[in-house]
Amino acid sequence: MVKLIAIDMDGTLLNENKHIDKAQKEAIHDAIEAGIKIVLCTGRPLYGILPFYKELGLHELDMEGYVILNNGCSIHKTKNWELIDWVEITSDDIDYLYKFSEEHDINFTLVDDTHYFNIGRKPTDELVIDAKFVFSDITEISLEEAKSGKYKIIKAMYIGNPEEMESFHKKYENILKDKYSEVLSQPYVYEILPKGNNKGTGLKKLADKLGIKQEEVMAIGDGNNDIEMFEYANYSVAMENATELAAKAAKYRTDSNMNDGVAKAIRKYALNKI
């Protein structure tokens, strides 16, 4: 029996126009009415999910809701958006990670709950687009201020055009993964997380907190950053538009994000209505 469904956003809950279709909303509401906890589990920061959370009407349906953000690095209680669990990128990490970006035409960015920081280089087109996707302005910051300890930095990202990012990823992946968790979450976004943290660890933390067993957890996603979440969840469902690696990691498949894949997965595997 499914008691918790973790749902990725981009490429999963959101269609290609970054909208939530009616069928997904109805299936999510039906699941909540059936007593199932719905948890958005995304790489987005807090400010990147607030309009969607309001659109889904989850506050009214679940007063004790939670979201897992920044690819598992932070968990918020939605009643007052209190940050209840998190890990941080340290000042030493920032200093170390920034150096990798200096010889490449990419942006080095940092995320906390309220800011989307950019250090040192004029924003690329990809950074401007990504900030728009998460409803944020870009805050320019010096390396010194970023390292000052004034901000609770949850994750770092390298952002640039897909060709540049593919080359950068291949060049530094083996070096960076020794010290950090890392994922090329989009062709233009290479994310760096504190070591050992991912959507799977975030989902396990929340399930344990809620007293929900692993065999009662379902996860729906499409990207490489969903793989650890799939490995943890007993019911793991990949979208039709999933990456090859994500599809291989999931036990089940559903339709695409353009054809009500989330709704179909919820009804088939959680509500047993298909």
Protein backbone atom coordinates (compact mmCIF):
# COMPACT_ATOMS: atom_id res chain seq x y z
CA MET A 1 0.00 0.00 0.00
CA VAL A 2 1.37 3.42 -0.99
CA LYS A 3 1.40 6.02 1.81
CA LEU A 4 3.77 8.62 0.34
CA ILE A 5 4.31 9.73 -3.26
CA ALA A 6 7.39 11.81 -4.08
CA ILE A 7 6.93 13.72 -7.34
CA ASP A 8 9.66 15.42 -9.35
CA MET A 9 8.67 18.68 -11.04
CA ASP A 10 10.53 19.62 -14.23
CA GLY A 11 9.93 17.00 -16.91
CA THR A 12 7.50 15.17 -14.63
CA LEU A 13 4.72 17.14 -12.93
CA LEU A 14 5.33 20.16 -15.18
CA ASN A 15 4.71 19.92 -18.90
CA GLU A 16 7.16 21.37 -21.42
CA ASN A 17 5.54 24.78 -20.98
CA LYS A 18 6.23 24.63 -17.22
CA HIS A 19 2.52 24.26 -16.42
CA ILE A 20 0.59 21.68 -14.38
CA ASP A 21 -2.18 20.08 -16.40
CA LYS A 22 -5.64 19.53 -14.92
CA ALA A 23 -5.38 15.73 -14.86
CA GLN A 24 -2.29 15.86 -12.61
CA LYS A 25 -4.03 18.18 -10.15
CA GLU A 26 -7.10 15.94 -9.98
CA ALA A 27 -5.06 12.77 -9.41
CA ILE A 28 -3.00 14.44 -6.69
CA HIS A 29 -6.16 15.65 -4.95
CA ASP A 30 -7.65 12.16 -5.16
CA ALA A 31 -4.50 10.66 -3.65
CA ILE A 32 -4.58 13.10 -0.72
CA GLU A 33 -8.24 12.36 -0.12
CA ALA A 34 -7.27 8.67 -0.03
CA GLY A 35 -4.84 9.44 2.80
CA ILE A 36 -1.62 9.45 0.76
CA LYS A 37 1.05 12.04 1.54
CA ILE A 38 2.08 13.98 -1.58
CA VAL A 39 5.61 15.44 -1.50
CA LEU A 40 7.20 17.54 -4.22
CA CYS A 41 10.78 16.29 -4.51
CA THR A 42 12.77 18.56 -6.80
CA GLY A 43 16.08 20.15 -7.62
CA ARG A 44 14.39 23.54 -7.39
CA PRO A 45 14.98 25.85 -4.41
CA LEU A 46 12.14 27.08 -2.20
CA TYR A 47 11.34 30.16 -4.29
CA GLY A 48 11.15 27.94 -7.37
CA ILE A 49 8.22 25.86 -6.10
CA LEU A 50 6.00 28.32 -4.23
CA PRO A 51 3.72 29.33 -7.15
CA PHE A 52 3.21 25.68 -8.13
CA TYR A 53 2.48 24.62 -4.56
CA LYS A 54 -0.18 27.34 -4.36
CA GLU A 55 -1.58 26.35 -7.76
CA LEU A 56 -1.96 22.74 -6.62
CA GLY A 57 -3.91 23.90 -3.57
CA LEU A 58 -1.88 21.65 -1.30
CA HIS A 59 -2.08 23.99 1.71
CA GLU A 60 -5.83 23.54 1.88
CA LEU A 61 -5.64 19.76 1.43
CA ASP A 62 -2.72 18.95 3.74
CA MET A 63 -1.93 21.25 6.66
CA GLU A 64 1.01 19.04 7.64
CA GLY A 65 2.74 18.95 4.28
CA TYR A 66 6.43 18.79 3.35
CA VAL A 67 8.63 19.44 0.34
CA ILE A 68 12.08 18.07 -0.47
CA LEU A 69 14.16 20.66 -2.32
CA ASN A 70 17.60 21.24 -3.83
CA ASN A 71 17.87 17.59 -4.88
CA GLY A 72 17.37 16.31 -1.35
CA CYS A 73 19.60 18.80 0.45
CA SER A 74 16.77 20.63 2.24
CA ILE A 75 13.34 19.73 3.63
CA HIS A 76 10.66 22.29 4.49
CA LYS A 77 7.47 21.96 6.46
CA THR A 78 4.89 23.73 4.32
CA LYS A 79 2.67 25.03 7.12
CA ASN A 80 5.06 27.94 7.70
CA TRP A 81 7.88 26.97 5.27
CA GLU A 82 10.14 26.17 8.20
CA LEU A 83 13.43 24.58 7.18
CA ILE A 84 13.53 21.36 9.20
CA ASP A 85 16.53 19.54 7.69
CA TRP A 86 19.40 20.68 5.51
CA VAL A 87 23.05 20.36 4.62
CA GLU A 88 25.37 23.17 3.55
CA ILE A 89 28.14 24.05 1.13
CA THR A 90 30.98 25.48 3.27
CA SER A 91 33.17 28.51 2.65
CA ASP A 92 36.07 26.20 1.83
CA ASP A 93 33.84 24.36 -0.65
CA ILE A 94 32.92 27.62 -2.37
CA ASP A 95 36.57 28.62 -2.70
CA TYR A 96 37.51 25.21 -4.08
CA LEU A 97 34.58 24.88 -6.50
CA TYR A 98 34.84 28.39 -7.91
CA LYS A 99 38.32 27.75 -9.29
CA PHE A 100 37.02 25.10 -11.70
CA SER A 101 34.86 27.70 -13.45
CA GLU A 102 37.51 30.33 -14.04
CA GLU A 103 38.86 29.00 -17.33
CA HIS A 104 35.45 28.24 -18.86
CA ASP A 105 32.66 30.37 -20.29
CA ILE A 106 30.19 29.25 -17.66
CA ASN A 107 28.61 30.68 -14.52
CA PHE A 108 29.32 29.52 -10.99
CA THR A 109 26.15 29.94 -8.94
CA LEU A 110 25.05 29.32 -5.36
CA VAL A 111 21.59 28.81 -3.88
CA ASP A 112 20.05 29.53 -0.51
CA ASP A 113 16.37 29.84 0.48
CA THR A 114 15.98 33.38 -0.81
CA HIS A 115 18.81 34.09 -3.28
CA TYR A 116 20.13 32.86 -6.61
CA PHE A 117 23.76 34.01 -6.45
CA ASN A 118 26.12 34.44 -9.39
CA ILE A 119 29.85 34.93 -8.86
CA GLY A 120 32.36 36.65 -11.07
CA ARG A 121 31.09 36.39 -14.64
CA LYS A 122 28.34 38.04 -16.67
CA PRO A 123 25.24 35.81 -16.69
CA THR A 124 25.05 33.46 -19.64
CA ASP A 125 21.78 33.12 -21.53
CA GLU A 126 21.28 29.76 -19.81
CA LEU A 127 21.59 31.34 -16.35
CA VAL A 128 19.03 34.02 -17.23
CA ILE A 129 16.62 31.33 -18.45
CA ASP A 130 17.17 29.12 -15.40
CA ALA A 131 16.57 31.99 -12.98
CA LYS A 132 13.33 32.77 -14.78
CA PHE A 133 12.24 29.15 -14.46
CA VAL A 134 12.59 29.33 -10.67
CA PHE A 135 10.95 32.79 -10.40
CA SER A 136 14.12 34.46 -9.17
CA ASP A 137 16.27 37.46 -9.89
CA ILE A 138 20.01 36.87 -10.19
CA THR A 139 21.97 38.33 -7.28
CA GLU A 140 25.57 39.21 -8.15
CA ILE A 141 27.94 38.50 -5.30
CA SER A 142 31.69 38.57 -4.79
CA LEU A 143 33.60 35.43 -3.92
CA GLU A 144 34.58 37.01 -0.61
CA GLU A 145 30.99 37.73 0.39
CA ALA A 146 29.87 34.26 -0.69
CA LYS A 147 32.51 32.81 1.65
CA SER A 148 31.65 35.17 4.52
CA GLY A 149 29.29 32.77 6.29
CA LYS A 150 26.37 35.23 6.08
CA TYR A 151 24.35 32.84 3.93
CA LYS A 152 23.17 29.26 4.37
CA ILE A 153 24.34 27.92 0.99
CA ILE A 154 22.56 24.67 0.13
CA LYS A 155 24.09 23.80 -3.24
CA ALA A 156 26.35 25.06 -6.03
CA MET A 157 25.77 24.91 -9.78
CA TYR A 158 27.81 25.36 -12.92
CA ILE A 159 25.64 26.72 -15.75
CA GLY A 160 26.39 27.29 -19.43
CA ASN A 161 25.52 26.22 -22.94
CA PRO A 162 25.04 22.44 -23.30
CA GLU A 163 28.19 21.87 -25.37
CA GLU A 164 30.34 23.72 -22.87
CA MET A 165 28.72 21.92 -19.94
CA GLU A 166 29.19 18.50 -21.55
CA SER A 167 32.90 19.21 -21.96
CA PHE A 168 33.18 20.65 -18.43
CA HIS A 169 31.35 17.67 -16.93
CA LYS A 170 33.56 15.12 -18.66
CA LYS A 171 36.71 17.00 -17.64
CA TYR A 172 35.93 17.38 -13.93
CA GLU A 173 33.38 14.69 -13.03
CA ASN A 174 35.87 12.20 -11.61
CA ILE A 175 37.61 14.90 -9.58
CA LEU A 176 34.47 16.44 -8.13
CA LYS A 177 32.59 13.24 -7.32
CA ASP A 178 35.34 12.22 -4.89
CA LYS A 179 34.41 15.15 -2.62
CA TYR A 180 30.79 15.86 -3.50
CA SER A 181 27.56 14.42 -4.79
CA GLU A 182 27.16 15.71 -8.35
CA VAL A 183 24.68 15.42 -11.19
CA LEU A 184 24.22 16.88 -14.65
CA SER A 185 20.55 17.54 -13.95
CA GLN A 186 19.92 19.42 -17.19
CA PRO A 187 22.10 19.68 -20.31
CA TYR A 188 23.05 23.18 -19.16
CA VAL A 189 23.15 22.64 -15.36
CA TYR A 190 25.81 20.70 -13.42
CA GLU A 191 24.86 20.56 -9.74
CA ILE A 192 27.23 20.08 -6.82
CA LEU A 193 25.81 18.89 -3.49
CA PRO A 194 27.37 18.05 -0.14
CA LYS A 195 28.75 14.51 -0.27
CA GLY A 196 26.26 11.70 0.22
CA ASN A 197 23.16 13.82 -0.36
CA ASN A 198 20.58 13.35 -3.10
CA LYS A 199 16.84 12.95 -3.57
CA GLY A 200 17.03 9.42 -2.23
CA THR A 201 18.60 10.45 1.07
CA GLY A 202 16.16 13.34 1.42
CA LEU A 203 13.21 11.04 0.76
CA LYS A 204 14.46 8.49 3.30
CA LYS A 205 14.88 11.20 5.96
CA LEU A 206 11.31 12.39 5.48
CA ALA A 207 9.80 8.90 5.32
CA ASP A 208 11.59 7.97 8.55
CA LYS A 209 10.38 11.17 10.21
CA LEU A 210 6.80 10.38 9.22
CA GLY A 211 7.04 6.72 10.23
CA ILE A 212 6.41 5.56 6.66
CA LYS A 213 8.13 2.35 5.58
CA GLN A 214 10.26 2.11 2.45
CA GLU A 215 7.85 -0.39 0.93
CA GLU A 216 5.08 2.23 1.25
CA VAL A 217 6.94 4.89 -0.76
CA MET A 218 6.36 5.72 -4.42
CA ALA A 219 8.49 8.05 -6.56
CA ILE A 220 7.80 9.56 -10.00
CA GLY A 221 10.51 11.26 -12.04
CA ASP A 222 12.34 11.65 -15.32
CA GLY A 223 15.92 12.78 -14.76
CA ASN A 224 19.33 11.56 -13.69
CA ASN A 225 18.83 13.37 -10.40
CA ASP A 226 15.87 11.04 -9.73
CA ILE A 227 17.92 7.84 -9.87
CA GLU A 228 18.68 7.65 -6.12
CA MET A 229 15.03 8.40 -5.37
CA PHE A 230 14.06 5.49 -7.62
CA GLU A 231 16.56 3.24 -5.87
CA TYR A 232 14.99 4.03 -2.49
CA ALA A 233 11.29 3.94 -3.36
CA ASN A 234 9.53 0.58 -3.55
CA TYR A 235 7.31 1.88 -6.35
CA SER A 236 9.60 3.76 -8.75
CA VAL A 237 7.98 5.15 -11.89
CA ALA A 238 9.87 6.75 -14.79
CA MET A 239 8.18 9.08 -17.24
CA GLU A 240 8.06 8.15 -20.91
CA ASN A 241 10.34 11.15 -21.51
CA ALA A 242 12.86 9.99 -18.89
CA THR A 243 16.58 9.85 -19.54
CA GLU A 244 18.00 6.44 -20.38
CA LEU A 245 19.69 6.12 -16.98
CA ALA A 246 16.57 7.15 -15.07
CA ALA A 247 14.39 4.73 -17.03
CA LYS A 248 16.77 1.86 -16.24
CA ALA A 249 16.70 2.70 -12.53
CA ALA A 250 12.89 2.61 -12.26
CA LYS A 251 10.72 -0.48 -11.87
CA TYR A 252 7.78 0.92 -13.81
CA ARG A 253 7.01 3.31 -16.67
CA THR A 254 4.22 5.80 -17.25
CA ASP A 255 3.26 8.21 -20.02
CA SER A 256 5.08 11.46 -20.74
CA ASN A 257 4.79 14.82 -18.99
CA MET A 258 2.84 16.02 -22.01
CA ASN A 259 0.30 13.21 -21.75
CA ASP A 260 -0.75 13.06 -18.08
CA GLY A 261 2.00 10.63 -17.02
CA VAL A 262 1.87 11.61 -13.35
CA ALA A 263 -1.91 11.20 -13.16
CA LYS A 264 -1.74 7.80 -14.86
CA ALA A 265 1.01 6.61 -12.50
CA ILE A 266 -0.88 7.72 -9.39
CA ARG A 267 -4.10 6.06 -10.47
CA LYS A 268 -2.44 2.82 -11.56
CA TYR A 269 0.15 2.19 -8.86
CA ALA A 270 -1.24 4.10 -5.81
CA LEU A 271 -5.00 4.23 -6.24
CA ASN A 272 -5.32 0.99 -8.24
CA LYS A 273 -7.90 2.51 -10.56
CA ILE A 274 -6.44 1.51 -13.93
